[in-house]
Protein backbone atom coordinates (compact mmCIF):
# COMPACT_ATOMS: atom_id res chain seq x y z
CA MET A 1 7.22 6.53 25.27
CA GLU A 2 3.74 6.96 26.88
CA VAL A 3 0.73 6.05 24.64
CA LYS A 4 -2.58 7.38 24.85
CA ASP A 5 -5.42 4.65 25.39
CA TYR A 6 -8.39 7.02 24.03
CA GLY A 7 -10.69 5.64 26.76
CA ASP A 8 -12.03 9.19 27.20
CA VAL A 9 -13.94 8.79 24.02
CA ALA A 10 -14.46 4.99 23.90
CA HIS A 11 -18.37 5.63 24.02
CA TYR A 12 -18.18 7.60 20.80
CA TYR A 13 -16.21 4.80 18.80
CA ASP A 14 -19.12 2.35 17.51
CA PRO A 15 -21.54 5.05 16.52
CA ALA A 16 -18.84 7.28 14.99
CA TYR A 17 -17.57 4.59 12.53
CA ALA A 18 -20.97 3.01 11.97
CA ALA A 19 -21.53 6.53 10.39
CA LYS A 20 -18.33 6.48 8.43
CA THR A 21 -19.46 4.91 5.25
CA ASP A 22 -16.05 5.05 3.34
CA LEU A 23 -14.40 2.54 5.31
CA GLN A 24 -13.26 -0.49 3.28
CA ASP A 25 -10.99 -2.41 5.43
CA VAL A 26 -13.16 -4.92 7.06
CA SER A 27 -13.82 -6.88 3.97
CA PHE A 28 -10.23 -6.92 3.30
CA TYR A 29 -9.15 -8.37 6.48
CA VAL A 30 -12.12 -10.91 6.39
CA LYS A 31 -10.56 -12.10 3.20
CA GLN A 32 -7.26 -12.37 4.48
CA ALA A 33 -8.79 -14.67 7.52
CA LYS A 34 -10.55 -16.87 4.86
CA LYS A 35 -7.18 -17.22 3.11
CA TYR A 36 -4.75 -17.98 5.79
CA GLY A 37 -7.13 -19.40 8.48
CA GLY A 38 -6.85 -19.42 12.21
CA PRO A 39 -6.16 -19.04 14.88
CA VAL A 40 -6.26 -15.29 14.49
CA LEU A 41 -4.63 -12.66 16.69
CA GLU A 42 -5.92 -9.01 16.23
CA ILE A 43 -3.54 -6.45 17.84
CA ALA A 44 -5.20 -3.10 18.99
CA CYS A 45 -8.60 -4.59 18.33
CA GLY A 46 -10.67 -1.76 19.77
CA THR A 47 -14.22 -2.54 20.24
CA GLY A 48 -14.09 -5.20 17.67
CA ARG A 49 -15.12 -3.61 14.30
CA VAL A 50 -12.88 -5.97 12.47
CA LEU A 51 -12.21 -8.83 14.95
CA LEU A 52 -16.05 -9.76 15.23
CA GLU A 53 -16.53 -10.22 11.50
CA ILE A 54 -13.40 -12.47 11.51
CA ALA A 55 -14.89 -14.36 14.33
CA LYS A 56 -18.16 -15.12 12.51
CA LEU A 57 -16.12 -17.28 10.09
CA GLY A 58 -15.85 -19.65 13.01
CA LEU A 59 -12.28 -19.23 13.41
CA GLU A 60 -10.61 -18.98 16.85
CA THR A 61 -9.77 -15.34 17.53
CA THR A 62 -7.89 -13.43 20.06
CA GLY A 63 -7.76 -9.65 20.45
CA VAL A 64 -5.35 -7.47 22.41
CA ASP A 65 -5.82 -3.88 23.25
CA PHE A 66 -4.34 -1.02 25.55
CA CYS A 67 -7.69 0.39 26.32
CA GLU A 68 -9.72 -1.50 28.93
CA LYS A 69 -12.72 0.65 28.01
CA PHE A 70 -12.63 -0.73 24.56
CA LEU A 71 -12.36 -4.22 25.73
CA GLU A 72 -15.39 -3.70 28.17
CA ILE A 73 -17.65 -2.63 25.02
CA LEU A 74 -16.32 -5.49 23.28
CA ARG A 75 -16.87 -8.10 25.73
CA ASN A 76 -20.48 -7.00 25.97
CA LYS A 77 -20.79 -7.89 22.11
CA THR A 78 -18.93 -11.34 22.21
CA GLN A 79 -21.53 -13.51 23.78
CA GLY A 80 -21.40 -17.02 22.12
CA GLU A 81 -18.41 -16.05 19.97
CA ASN A 82 -15.16 -17.84 19.95
CA VAL A 83 -13.15 -14.90 21.05
CA SER A 84 -10.53 -14.41 23.87
CA LEU A 85 -9.67 -10.80 24.90
CA HIS A 86 -6.73 -9.50 26.69
CA HIS A 87 -5.55 -6.11 27.97
CA ALA A 88 -1.93 -5.54 27.13
CA ASP A 89 0.33 -3.04 25.32
CA MET A 90 1.15 -4.05 21.70
CA ARG A 91 4.75 -3.34 22.29
CA ASP A 92 5.12 -5.87 25.18
CA PHE A 93 2.75 -8.79 25.78
CA SER A 94 3.28 -12.67 25.49
CA LEU A 95 0.25 -15.04 25.10
CA GLU A 96 2.28 -18.23 24.97
CA LYS A 97 0.65 -19.16 21.75
CA LYS A 98 1.36 -18.96 18.02
CA PHE A 99 -1.23 -17.87 15.29
CA ALA A 100 -1.57 -18.41 11.50
CA LEU A 101 -2.58 -14.94 11.01
CA VAL A 102 -1.64 -11.97 12.95
CA THR A 103 -3.40 -8.51 12.03
CA ILE A 104 -2.97 -4.80 13.14
CA PRO A 105 -5.95 -3.09 11.32
CA PHE A 106 -6.77 0.62 11.07
CA ARG A 107 -3.41 2.11 11.69
CA PRO A 108 -2.39 1.42 15.24
CA LEU A 109 1.34 1.21 14.28
CA GLN A 110 0.82 4.95 13.68
CA HIS A 111 0.45 5.60 17.41
CA MET A 112 3.90 4.23 17.85
CA TYR A 113 6.01 7.50 17.86
CA THR A 114 9.80 6.39 18.05
CA PHE A 115 11.63 3.82 16.05
CA GLU A 116 12.26 1.76 19.34
CA ASP A 117 8.40 1.68 19.80
CA GLN A 118 7.74 0.84 16.19
CA VAL A 119 10.25 -2.25 16.29
CA LYS A 120 9.03 -3.42 19.79
CA ALA A 121 5.44 -3.54 18.30
CA LEU A 122 6.45 -5.35 15.08
CA THR A 123 8.74 -7.64 16.97
CA CYS A 124 5.93 -8.56 19.31
CA ALA A 125 3.67 -9.30 16.52
CA ARG A 126 6.51 -11.51 14.98
CA ASN A 127 6.80 -13.31 18.28
CA HIS A 128 3.13 -14.54 18.03
CA MET A 129 3.27 -15.67 14.55
CA ALA A 130 3.59 -19.53 13.63
CA ASP A 131 6.61 -20.36 11.72
CA ASP A 132 4.47 -20.18 8.45
CA GLY A 133 2.26 -17.54 9.76
CA VAL A 134 1.55 -14.11 8.24
CA LEU A 135 1.18 -10.47 9.53
CA VAL A 136 -1.26 -8.04 7.73
CA PHE A 137 -1.15 -4.42 8.73
CA ASP A 138 -1.92 -1.05 7.22
CA VAL A 139 -0.77 2.58 7.67
CA PHE A 140 -1.95 5.49 5.69
CA TYR A 141 0.03 7.08 2.75
CA PRO A 142 0.96 10.69 4.01
CA LEU A 143 -0.75 13.39 1.94
CA TRP A 144 1.79 16.05 2.63
CA HIS A 145 -0.33 19.01 1.51
CA LYS A 146 -3.15 18.03 3.66
CA ILE A 147 -0.96 17.34 6.73
CA LEU A 148 0.97 20.54 6.56
CA GLU A 149 -1.56 23.01 5.03
CA ASP A 150 -4.65 22.20 7.19
CA VAL A 151 -3.07 23.26 10.59
CA ASN A 152 -5.49 25.03 12.94
CA THR A 153 -8.70 24.51 10.72
CA GLU A 154 -11.47 22.84 12.15
CA GLN A 155 -13.21 20.30 9.88
CA LEU A 156 -16.50 18.64 10.42
CA GLU A 157 -16.02 14.83 9.82
CA LEU A 158 -18.83 12.70 10.93
CA GLU A 159 -22.58 13.34 12.09
CA TRP A 160 -24.78 10.62 13.84
CA GLN A 161 -27.76 10.35 15.93
CA ASP A 162 -27.35 9.25 19.63
CA PRO A 163 -28.21 5.83 19.83
CA LYS A 164 -29.50 6.31 23.39
CA ASN A 165 -31.65 9.33 22.45
CA PRO A 166 -32.66 9.90 18.75
CA GLN A 167 -33.65 13.48 19.30
CA ARG A 168 -29.92 14.24 19.90
CA THR A 169 -27.39 14.61 17.19
CA ILE A 170 -23.66 14.19 17.71
CA LYS A 171 -21.17 15.88 15.51
CA ARG A 172 -17.42 15.02 15.32
CA SER A 173 -14.87 17.53 13.92
CA PHE A 174 -11.09 17.34 13.98
CA ILE A 175 -8.71 20.32 14.15
CA ARG A 176 -4.91 19.46 13.40
CA THR A 177 -2.94 21.52 15.94
CA GLU A 178 0.66 20.65 14.91
CA ALA A 179 2.42 19.02 11.98
CA ASN A 180 6.09 18.15 12.17
CA PRO A 181 7.42 16.74 8.94
CA PHE A 182 11.12 16.35 10.18
CA TYR A 183 9.86 13.91 12.99
CA GLN A 184 7.14 12.65 11.14
CA PHE A 185 4.08 13.33 13.25
CA PHE A 186 1.01 15.44 13.63
CA CYS A 187 -1.09 16.30 16.63
CA GLY A 188 -4.62 17.35 16.91
CA GLU A 189 -7.89 17.25 18.64
CA PHE A 190 -11.25 15.48 18.12
CA ILE A 191 -14.28 17.52 18.97
CA PHE A 192 -17.62 15.85 20.01
CA ARG A 193 -20.52 18.11 20.41
CA THR A 194 -23.99 16.88 21.12
CA PHE A 195 -27.05 18.88 19.85
CA GLU A 196 -30.66 18.61 20.94
CA ASN A 197 -33.29 21.01 19.17
CA ASP A 198 -30.32 22.68 17.43
CA GLN A 199 -28.92 23.62 20.53
CA MET A 200 -25.29 22.47 21.65
CA ILE A 201 -25.75 20.86 25.07
CA GLN A 202 -22.37 19.15 25.46
CA GLU A 203 -18.67 19.20 24.15
CA GLU A 204 -16.03 16.60 24.81
CA ARG A 205 -12.47 16.94 23.36
CA SER A 206 -9.96 14.23 22.88
CA LYS A 207 -6.31 14.87 21.85
CA LEU A 208 -4.61 12.69 19.15
CA LYS A 209 -1.18 12.17 18.06
CA MET A 210 -0.21 10.00 15.08
CA SER A 211 3.05 9.21 13.51
CA PHE A 212 3.33 8.69 9.48
CA TYR A 213 5.76 6.74 7.30
CA THR A 214 7.30 7.00 3.86
CA TYR A 215 7.31 3.86 1.71
CA PRO A 216 11.13 3.37 1.88
CA GLN A 217 10.76 3.81 5.55
CA MET A 218 8.06 0.99 6.12
CA GLN A 219 10.39 -1.22 3.65
CA ALA A 220 13.30 -0.75 6.25
CA LEU A 221 11.22 -1.13 9.22
CA ILE A 222 9.81 -4.36 8.01
CA LYS A 223 13.16 -5.78 6.98
CA CYS A 224 14.76 -4.62 10.34
CA CYS A 225 12.17 -6.56 12.21
CA GLY A 226 12.73 -9.76 10.36
CA PHE A 227 10.01 -9.81 7.71
CA GLU A 228 9.80 -10.47 4.13
CA ILE A 229 7.03 -8.46 2.05
CA MET A 230 4.72 -11.00 0.52
CA GLU A 231 2.09 -8.58 -0.85
CA GLU A 232 1.51 -4.74 -0.66
CA TYR A 233 -1.26 -2.73 -1.64
CA GLY A 234 -2.45 1.04 -2.04
CA SER A 235 -6.10 0.58 -1.07
CA PHE A 236 -8.27 -2.16 0.33
CA ASP A 237 -9.33 -2.83 -3.22
CA GLU A 238 -5.75 -4.25 -3.68
CA THR A 239 -4.83 -1.63 -6.07
CA PRO A 240 -0.85 -1.04 -6.53
CA ILE A 241 0.89 0.60 -3.60
CA ALA A 242 2.02 3.46 -5.44
CA ASP A 243 -1.62 4.37 -6.46
CA GLY A 244 -3.53 4.55 -3.34
CA PRO A 245 -4.42 6.42 -0.19
CA GLU A 246 -3.00 3.45 2.17
CA MET A 247 0.12 1.38 2.55
CA ILE A 248 -0.98 -2.35 3.35
CA PHE A 249 1.45 -5.09 4.02
CA VAL A 250 1.15 -8.68 4.01
CA VAL A 251 4.34 -10.03 5.31
CA LYS A 252 5.97 -13.32 6.74
CA LYS A 253 8.89 -14.26 8.46
CA ALA A 254 11.98 -13.92 6.57
C-alpha cells in the first residue's frame, strides 16, 4: 500500500517539534543506546531529532527514511557526526549490516496501514539486528473517546516564531476528518498558517493517515514477526504499560 512521505511539510518539522515541549522520547532512546551500544540503526529517522542525540554518544549511527526532503535537512546537520544516511522504504531495504540496536521512534509503525505492511516493516527491522541485538519502538495507546469524538473539530496544537523571520508566527492546527474503529485508522489534516502583524499571509495543508493498535494486537504482531518481548512500558518514564498513553516495546529475536 502506498505510504505518504510528508515531504510537503518537511520544512516545518524542526521548528514545530522544538515548540512541542511535552516530548519525552529522546532521553529514553538515548538511554537505550547507552545500555545496548552500537552500531545503532534508526528506521524512519526524519530530520534527526532522536538520531543526532544518539550520535553524540560517539556510537556509529545509521539512519533510514522514506522522505528525501527530511534526509536533506538532516544531512545539513551532520557535519562531523559519525552518521550514515540512506533513502529507503522501511518495509523493504537491505544495508548488508547488522546492528546491536535498532530503533523505530515516534510511531512510524502507525504509518503502516495493513497487516502485510506491518509484518514487512518489523521483519525488515529484524533482518538488520545482530543475533543478540535489540529492537525498540513505540506506538500510542488509542484513546478511543478522543479518536471517535473529535472528528471535524479543528484544534490548535502548536505555535512558534518563524526562524527565518521573527516577525512572523506559524500556527499548526489539526483536524481529524475520519475515524474508523473497525479497520483501526484515522485520517486528518495538518493546517499550517503563517501570520505577520496579526494577518494570515499563508496557509498550507498536509493530509495524515495513521493506524492504531490494541495491546493484544501488538503482542500478536511481535510474536508473529519472530520477536520476544523483553520490556514494555506505558510511557517514556517507564511506567507499567497499562498505565500510560504510549505502548513502548523492547524486543529481541525469539
